[in-house]
Amino acid sequence: MTQTDFIKLVMPFKDKVYRLAKRLLVSSEEAEDATQEILLKLWKNKVKISEYKNVEAFSMTMTKNFCLDRLKSKQAQNLKIVHSNYQDNNVSLQKQVELNDSVDWVSKIMEELPEQQKIILQLRDIEEYEFEDIAKVLDMNETAIRVALSRARKTIREKLTNTHSYGIK
């Protein structure tokens, strides 16, 4: 596999790898490091890359595992989840403030979710993966993924409802 072939193969999903890494790690820098590490591992194994049915799903699995290992490491004790890939330049300042506030609330609520639910929510609702692909990445059955996703969404919905209806009776 040539360098050009490799770039054509990985560029379409490189940003997805980054976003998953960013969802799981503390900062843009950490996510960039993780993305580079995943791409480097893929490059080192470029001879075997044709053996994989779905290189993107394989890369997402690698990213998940790498990030979870980083989170477990001693140097990652103070990591937290941040999410800032939401932007819309065609809204008023007031609306932008409200949207940013909502995104911040959802991010804070997501921080409290179990690790598995965070990953499933990221892959399904943000990366828009199919349940079948998520099942392969997480090595789970689709029913368990649907249940975890439903629970995560329900938790977010309930906490948002409680937050925004606070003081309203």
Protein backbone atom coordinates (compact mmCIF):
# COMPACT_ATOMS: atom_id res chain seq x y z
CA MET A 1 0.00 0.00 0.00
CA THR A 2 1.42 3.36 -1.01
CA GLN A 3 1.29 6.48 1.12
CA THR A 4 -1.28 7.97 -1.26
CA ASP A 5 -3.50 4.87 -0.98
CA PHE A 6 -3.21 4.98 2.80
CA ILE A 7 -4.17 8.67 2.95
CA LYS A 8 -7.18 8.06 0.68
CA LEU A 9 -8.26 5.23 2.95
CA VAL A 10 -7.96 6.97 6.33
CA MET A 11 -8.80 10.60 5.56
CA PRO A 12 -12.59 10.04 5.30
CA PHE A 13 -12.79 8.83 8.92
CA LYS A 14 -9.86 10.63 10.54
CA ASP A 15 -12.16 13.32 11.99
CA LYS A 16 -14.44 10.66 13.49
CA VAL A 17 -11.45 9.11 15.25
CA TYR A 18 -10.54 12.56 16.57
CA ARG A 19 -14.07 13.31 17.79
CA LEU A 20 -14.34 9.99 19.64
CA ALA A 21 -10.94 10.61 21.20
CA LYS A 22 -12.01 14.11 22.19
CA ARG A 23 -15.23 12.78 23.71
CA LEU A 24 -13.24 10.39 25.87
CA LEU A 25 -10.17 12.50 26.69
CA VAL A 26 -9.61 15.89 28.25
CA SER A 27 -8.51 18.21 25.52
CA SER A 28 -7.95 18.85 21.86
CA GLU A 29 -4.26 18.16 22.36
CA GLU A 30 -4.95 14.77 23.96
CA ALA A 31 -7.38 13.91 21.16
CA GLU A 32 -4.87 14.98 18.51
CA ASP A 33 -2.20 12.81 20.14
CA ALA A 34 -4.58 9.85 20.24
CA THR A 35 -5.56 10.37 16.59
CA GLN A 36 -1.91 10.51 15.55
CA GLU A 37 -1.19 7.37 17.55
CA ILE A 38 -4.04 5.48 15.86
CA LEU A 39 -2.97 6.63 12.40
CA LEU A 40 0.62 5.66 13.15
CA LYS A 41 -0.48 2.18 14.27
CA LEU A 42 -2.53 1.82 11.08
CA TRP A 43 0.45 2.94 8.97
CA LYS A 44 2.78 0.47 10.71
CA ASN A 45 0.28 -2.32 9.93
CA LYS A 46 -0.52 -1.16 6.40
CA VAL A 47 0.45 -4.58 5.04
CA LYS A 48 -2.39 -6.20 7.03
CA ILE A 49 -4.89 -3.38 6.50
CA SER A 50 -6.51 -5.08 3.50
CA GLU A 51 -7.46 -8.02 5.73
CA TYR A 52 -9.93 -5.88 7.68
CA LYS A 53 -13.51 -5.86 6.45
CA ASN A 54 -14.13 -2.35 7.79
CA VAL A 55 -11.01 -0.29 8.45
CA GLU A 56 -13.09 2.57 9.87
CA ALA A 57 -14.78 0.35 12.47
CA PHE A 58 -11.41 -1.21 13.31
CA SER A 59 -9.95 2.27 13.79
CA MET A 60 -12.80 3.30 16.05
CA THR A 61 -12.22 0.19 18.17
CA MET A 62 -8.53 1.03 18.36
CA THR A 63 -9.39 4.60 19.35
CA LYS A 64 -11.81 3.48 22.06
CA ASN A 65 -9.27 1.06 23.52
CA PHE A 66 -6.41 3.55 23.32
CA CYS A 67 -8.45 6.29 25.02
CA LEU A 68 -9.75 4.00 27.74
CA ASP A 69 -6.17 2.89 28.42
CA ARG A 70 -5.13 6.55 28.65
CA LEU A 71 -7.98 7.26 31.05
CA LYS A 72 -6.85 4.39 33.25
CA SER A 73 -3.21 5.51 33.27
CA LYS A 74 -1.80 7.50 36.16
CA GLN A 75 -1.16 10.61 34.08
CA ALA A 76 -4.83 10.79 33.16
CA GLN A 77 -6.25 11.27 36.66
CA ASN A 78 -7.58 14.74 35.96
CA LEU A 79 -9.12 14.17 32.55
CA LYS A 80 -12.67 15.25 31.86
CA ILE A 81 -14.95 15.17 28.87
CA VAL A 82 -15.46 18.29 26.83
CA HIS A 83 -17.41 18.64 23.66
CA SER A 84 -17.24 21.69 21.45
CA ASN A 85 -17.84 20.65 17.88
CA TYR A 86 -21.20 22.41 17.76
CA GLN A 87 -21.28 25.61 15.70
CA ASP A 88 -23.92 27.50 13.78
CA ASN A 89 -22.98 30.96 12.50
CA ASN A 90 -26.50 31.90 11.37
CA VAL A 91 -28.13 32.47 14.75
CA SER A 92 -28.57 35.53 16.95
CA LEU A 93 -26.25 36.13 19.88
CA GLN A 94 -29.03 35.32 22.36
CA LYS A 95 -29.84 32.06 20.59
CA GLN A 96 -26.12 31.20 20.40
CA VAL A 97 -25.75 31.73 24.15
CA GLU A 98 -28.79 29.51 24.79
CA LEU A 99 -27.50 26.80 22.46
CA ASN A 100 -24.04 26.88 24.01
CA ASP A 101 -25.63 26.66 27.45
CA SER A 102 -27.64 23.61 26.35
CA VAL A 103 -24.57 21.96 24.84
CA ASP A 104 -22.66 22.67 28.07
CA TRP A 105 -25.48 21.11 30.13
CA VAL A 106 -25.53 18.01 27.93
CA SER A 107 -21.73 17.74 28.17
CA LYS A 108 -21.87 17.99 31.95
CA ILE A 109 -24.59 15.37 32.12
CA MET A 110 -22.64 13.11 29.75
CA GLU A 111 -19.63 13.34 32.10
CA GLU A 112 -21.73 11.59 34.72
CA LEU A 113 -22.81 8.73 32.44
CA PRO A 114 -21.11 5.33 32.67
CA GLU A 115 -18.18 5.01 30.25
CA GLN A 116 -20.01 2.55 27.99
CA GLN A 117 -23.04 4.83 27.64
CA LYS A 118 -20.77 7.79 26.77
CA ILE A 119 -19.14 5.83 23.99
CA ILE A 120 -22.42 4.51 22.60
CA LEU A 121 -23.98 7.98 22.67
CA GLN A 122 -20.93 9.44 20.90
CA LEU A 123 -20.88 6.75 18.20
CA ARG A 124 -24.63 6.72 17.55
CA ASP A 125 -25.84 10.29 18.04
CA ILE A 126 -22.74 12.28 17.13
CA GLU A 127 -20.85 10.05 14.69
CA GLU A 128 -24.11 8.55 13.36
CA TYR A 129 -22.85 4.97 13.28
CA GLU A 130 -25.28 2.16 12.62
CA PHE A 131 -26.06 -0.20 15.50
CA GLU A 132 -24.33 -3.05 13.65
CA ASP A 133 -21.09 -1.05 13.44
CA ILE A 134 -21.27 0.00 17.08
CA ALA A 135 -21.77 -3.65 18.02
CA LYS A 136 -18.55 -4.55 16.21
CA VAL A 137 -16.58 -1.67 17.74
CA LEU A 138 -17.72 -2.42 21.29
CA ASP A 139 -18.04 -6.20 20.92
CA MET A 140 -21.62 -6.11 22.21
CA ASN A 141 -24.92 -7.28 20.80
CA GLU A 142 -27.21 -4.72 19.20
CA THR A 143 -29.96 -5.16 21.79
CA ALA A 144 -27.59 -4.26 24.63
CA ILE A 145 -26.46 -1.21 22.66
CA ARG A 146 -30.05 -0.07 22.11
CA VAL A 147 -30.80 -0.50 25.82
CA ALA A 148 -27.67 1.42 26.90
CA LEU A 149 -28.41 4.18 24.37
CA SER A 150 -31.99 4.43 25.57
CA ARG A 151 -30.86 4.67 29.19
CA ALA A 152 -28.25 7.32 28.35
CA ARG A 153 -30.77 9.42 26.42
CA LYS A 154 -33.33 9.03 29.20
CA THR A 155 -30.82 10.15 31.82
CA ILE A 156 -29.88 13.21 29.76
CA ARG A 157 -33.52 14.04 29.05
CA GLU A 158 -34.52 13.74 32.73
CA LYS A 159 -31.59 15.80 33.98
CA LEU A 160 -32.16 18.48 31.35
CA THR A 161 -35.86 18.60 32.19
CA ASN A 162 -35.10 18.88 35.90
CA THR A 163 -32.50 21.59 35.29
CA HIS A 164 -34.58 23.71 32.94
CA SER A 165 -37.83 23.35 34.85
CA TYR A 166 -36.20 24.16 38.19
CA GLY A 167 -38.32 26.71 39.98
CA ILE A 168 -41.25 26.32 37.57
CA LYS A 169 -44.35 24.84 39.23
